Amino acid sequence: QVQLVESGGGLVQTGGSLRLSCAASGRTFSSYAMGWFRQAPGKEREFVGSINWSGGSTYYADSVKDRFTISRDVAKNTVYLQMNSLKSEDTAVYYCAAATTPWVWRSSWNTPADFGSWGQGTQVTVSS
């Protein structure tokens, strides 16, 4: 089992930037694909993007493409979500999640059921 802890959330103005971090501990982090999701009040958890185990491949939801970037630092057991040009509709609790199977990644993985371990989430609020 892997433990995940998100950080870096906060309040930012429209057009601003934030970088979220997801620190992992437990099972071998470097062999698992990772995903980012978000959930706004009253809405279902929404896929943001994912990254494969090596960091060489990423996939993003259309709503964040060209604004958000996912990366990972294997040495630090950390995945990042760089968010630029933030909009009010980006306001949500952001979660990172680890795949359930090592050495596998699919760009089609875009639902919470495709991932196993979850962090507790970090709040991002974008104000106009």
Foldseek 3Di string as FASTA:
>chain_A
DKAKAKDWADEAAAQAKTKMKIAIDDPQLLFWKKFKWWDDPPDDIWGAKIAGSNQPDIAGDPVQPPFWDWGDDNVRRMIMIIGGRDDQVVWTWMKMFIAPDTNDDDNPPIDPVRTDDMYPTDTHGYHD
